[in-house]
Protein backbone atom coordinates (compact mmCIF):
# COMPACT_ATOMS: atom_id res chain seq x y z
CA UNK A 1 -20.77 7.90 0.26
CA UNK A 2 -17.82 10.32 0.27
CA UNK A 3 -17.00 9.25 3.82
CA UNK A 4 -16.95 5.58 2.80
CA UNK A 5 -14.69 6.34 -0.16
CA UNK A 6 -12.39 8.40 2.08
CA UNK A 7 -12.20 5.63 4.67
CA UNK A 8 -11.47 3.07 1.95
CA UNK A 9 -8.65 5.25 0.60
CA UNK A 10 -7.17 5.70 4.08
CA UNK A 11 -7.35 1.92 4.61
CA UNK A 12 -5.59 1.32 1.30
CA UNK A 13 -2.90 3.87 2.17
CA UNK A 14 -2.43 2.21 5.54
CA UNK A 15 -2.04 -1.22 4.00
CA UNK A 16 0.36 0.11 1.34
CA UNK A 17 2.45 1.67 4.11
CA UNK A 18 2.49 -1.55 6.14
CA UNK A 19 3.54 -3.67 3.18
CA UNK A 20 6.54 -1.52 2.31
CA UNK A 21 7.93 -1.19 5.83
CA UNK A 22 10.62 -3.65 6.88
CA UNK A 23 12.00 -4.22 10.36
CA UNK A 24 14.92 -1.80 10.05
CA UNK A 25 13.01 1.03 8.33
CA UNK A 26 12.00 4.08 10.30
CA UNK A 27 8.29 4.77 10.70
CA UNK A 28 7.10 7.99 9.09
CA UNK A 29 4.32 9.74 11.02
CA UNK A 30 2.53 11.25 8.04
CA UNK A 31 2.82 8.17 5.86
CA UNK A 32 2.31 5.33 8.36
CA UNK A 33 0.84 6.59 11.65
CA UNK A 34 -1.57 9.37 10.58
CA UNK A 35 -3.56 7.10 8.21
CA UNK A 36 -4.18 4.62 11.06
CA UNK A 37 -5.35 7.42 13.33
CA UNK A 38 -7.61 8.85 10.64
CA UNK A 39 -9.20 5.49 9.98
CA UNK A 40 -9.70 4.30 13.57
CA UNK A 41 -9.48 7.20 16.03
CA UNK A 42 -10.31 10.68 14.76
CA UNK A 43 -14.08 10.10 14.52
CA UNK A 44 -14.34 9.93 18.34
CA UNK A 45 -11.34 12.08 19.28
CA UNK A 46 -11.89 15.22 17.20
CA UNK A 47 -12.75 18.82 18.03
CA UNK A 48 -16.51 18.12 18.01
CA UNK A 49 -16.51 14.95 20.15
CA UNK A 50 -13.23 14.70 22.10
CA UNK A 51 -14.21 11.51 23.94
CA UNK A 52 -12.40 11.30 27.28
CA UNK A 53 -11.26 14.90 26.78
CA UNK A 54 -8.68 13.64 24.30
CA UNK A 55 -8.24 14.89 20.76
CA UNK A 56 -5.95 13.74 18.02
CA UNK A 57 -7.20 15.60 14.98
CA UNK A 58 -3.98 17.66 14.95
CA UNK A 59 -0.48 16.77 16.09
CA UNK A 60 -0.64 19.58 18.64
CA UNK A 61 -3.66 17.94 20.30
CA UNK A 62 -2.29 14.43 19.87
CA UNK A 63 0.44 14.90 22.47
CA UNK A 64 -1.77 16.56 25.11
CA UNK A 65 -3.26 14.31 27.82
CA UNK A 66 -7.01 13.79 28.01
CA UNK A 67 -9.15 13.63 31.16
CA UNK A 68 -7.07 10.76 32.54
CA UNK A 69 -3.98 13.03 32.64
CA UNK A 70 -1.71 10.17 31.49
CA UNK A 71 0.81 11.04 28.79
CA UNK A 72 -0.59 9.72 25.50
CA UNK A 73 2.86 9.35 23.96
CA UNK A 74 6.16 8.96 25.79
CA UNK A 75 8.84 9.03 23.09
CA UNK A 76 11.01 5.93 23.19
CA UNK A 77 8.82 4.19 25.82
CA UNK A 78 5.85 2.42 24.30
CA UNK A 79 4.96 0.69 27.60
CA UNK A 80 4.49 4.09 29.27
CA UNK A 81 2.46 5.57 26.41
CA UNK A 82 -1.24 5.64 27.29
CA UNK A 83 -2.04 5.43 23.59
CA UNK A 84 -0.54 1.98 23.15
CA UNK A 85 -1.74 0.77 26.55
CA UNK A 86 -5.36 1.59 25.61
CA UNK A 87 -5.05 0.21 22.07
CA UNK A 88 -3.75 -3.14 23.41
CA UNK A 89 -5.97 -3.39 26.51
CA UNK A 90 -7.76 -6.73 26.94
CA UNK A 91 -10.84 -5.22 28.65
CA UNK A 92 -13.32 -4.21 25.90
CA UNK A 93 -14.51 -1.27 28.05
CA UNK A 94 -10.99 0.18 28.17
CA UNK A 95 -9.60 -0.90 24.80
CA UNK A 96 -9.51 1.60 21.99
CA UNK A 97 -11.15 1.98 19.60
CA UNK A 98 -14.17 1.54 21.86
CA UNK A 99 -17.19 -0.29 20.36
CA UNK A 100 -15.19 -1.24 17.31
CA UNK A 101 -12.87 -3.97 16.13
CA UNK A 102 -9.37 -3.85 17.65
CA UNK A 103 -6.54 -2.59 15.50
CA UNK A 104 -4.68 -5.22 13.54
CA UNK A 105 -1.51 -6.68 15.00
CA UNK A 106 0.46 -4.98 12.21
CA UNK A 107 -1.03 -1.56 13.01
CA UNK A 108 -0.32 -1.94 16.74
CA UNK A 109 3.26 -3.01 16.01
CA UNK A 110 3.70 -0.05 13.67
CA UNK A 111 2.45 2.43 16.29
CA UNK A 112 4.70 0.83 18.91
CA UNK A 113 7.67 0.99 16.59
CA UNK A 114 6.99 4.68 15.89
CA UNK A 115 6.94 5.42 19.63
CA UNK A 116 10.08 3.33 20.26
CA UNK A 117 11.86 5.23 17.47
CA UNK A 118 11.22 8.49 19.33
CA UNK A 119 7.74 9.41 18.04
CA UNK A 120 9.26 11.73 15.43
CA UNK A 121 6.92 14.05 13.58
CA UNK A 122 9.03 14.45 10.44
CA UNK A 123 9.03 18.25 10.67
CA UNK A 124 5.33 18.61 9.94
CA UNK A 125 3.50 21.71 11.25
CA UNK A 126 1.87 20.69 14.54
CA UNK A 127 -1.28 22.72 13.88
CA UNK A 128 -2.11 20.96 10.60
CA UNK A 129 -5.01 18.51 10.73
CA UNK A 130 -4.06 14.88 10.21
CA UNK A 131 -5.98 14.64 6.95
CA UNK A 132 -3.85 17.47 5.51
CA UNK A 133 -0.54 15.72 6.20
CA UNK A 134 -1.57 12.26 4.99
CA UNK A 135 -0.40 11.52 1.44
CA UNK A 136 -3.09 11.68 -1.21
CA UNK A 137 -4.22 8.39 -2.69
CA UNK A 138 -3.37 7.90 -6.36
CA UNK A 139 -6.57 7.01 -8.16
CA UNK A 140 -6.66 5.08 -11.42
CA UNK A 141 -7.89 6.89 -14.50
CA UNK A 142 -11.56 6.22 -15.31
CA UNK A 143 -12.25 4.09 -18.38
CA UNK A 144 -12.83 5.92 -21.62
CA UNK A 145 -16.13 4.07 -22.08
CA UNK A 146 -18.28 2.29 -19.53
CA UNK A 147 -19.99 -0.99 -20.41
CA UNK A 148 -23.36 0.34 -19.26
CA UNK A 149 -24.93 3.62 -18.20
CA UNK A 150 -24.09 4.77 -14.71
CA UNK A 151 -27.00 5.63 -12.42
CA UNK A 152 -27.44 9.15 -11.13
CA UNK A 153 -26.95 8.93 -7.37
CA UNK A 154 -27.26 12.61 -6.46
CA UNK A 155 -28.56 15.88 -7.78
CA UNK A 156 -27.66 19.43 -6.85
CA UNK A 157 -29.89 22.46 -7.33
CA UNK A 158 -28.82 26.07 -7.38
CA UNK A 159 -30.58 28.73 -5.34
CA UNK A 160 -32.60 29.81 -8.39
CA UNK A 161 -34.12 26.30 -8.68
CA UNK A 162 -32.12 25.03 -11.67
């Protein structure tokens, strides 16, 4: 359940970032790019899985090539960046994310724009995980009173059995 809520929040952040970005604005890695990666890529390209020998759970890993040895990101050259080539590939066996829906046109354009603008990292520490540099979602305050009782969906017990 927490994972679903987290993914929903990342999706909302991504959409908020896409809506506010106009053609002349610069793309911010932590605000625009990292949420897309968290939502669509990190599950398969993290420290535990590293599909294709490629990781992108931290910025440091993000720029290192995977097993294919192609440069994932070539600043200023989106056509030479393996990242964008794989995201836009027409063959479903080569397109990323694999076994999932393709990224939206807006997300692909945003990633391409970020690369074309020099793939700047906004001065963030390269060893920080992507989830740590993504802005926190602002949640609405809960209502003072609910119309009905809420069900209990989980229980936690302490080691002494209480």
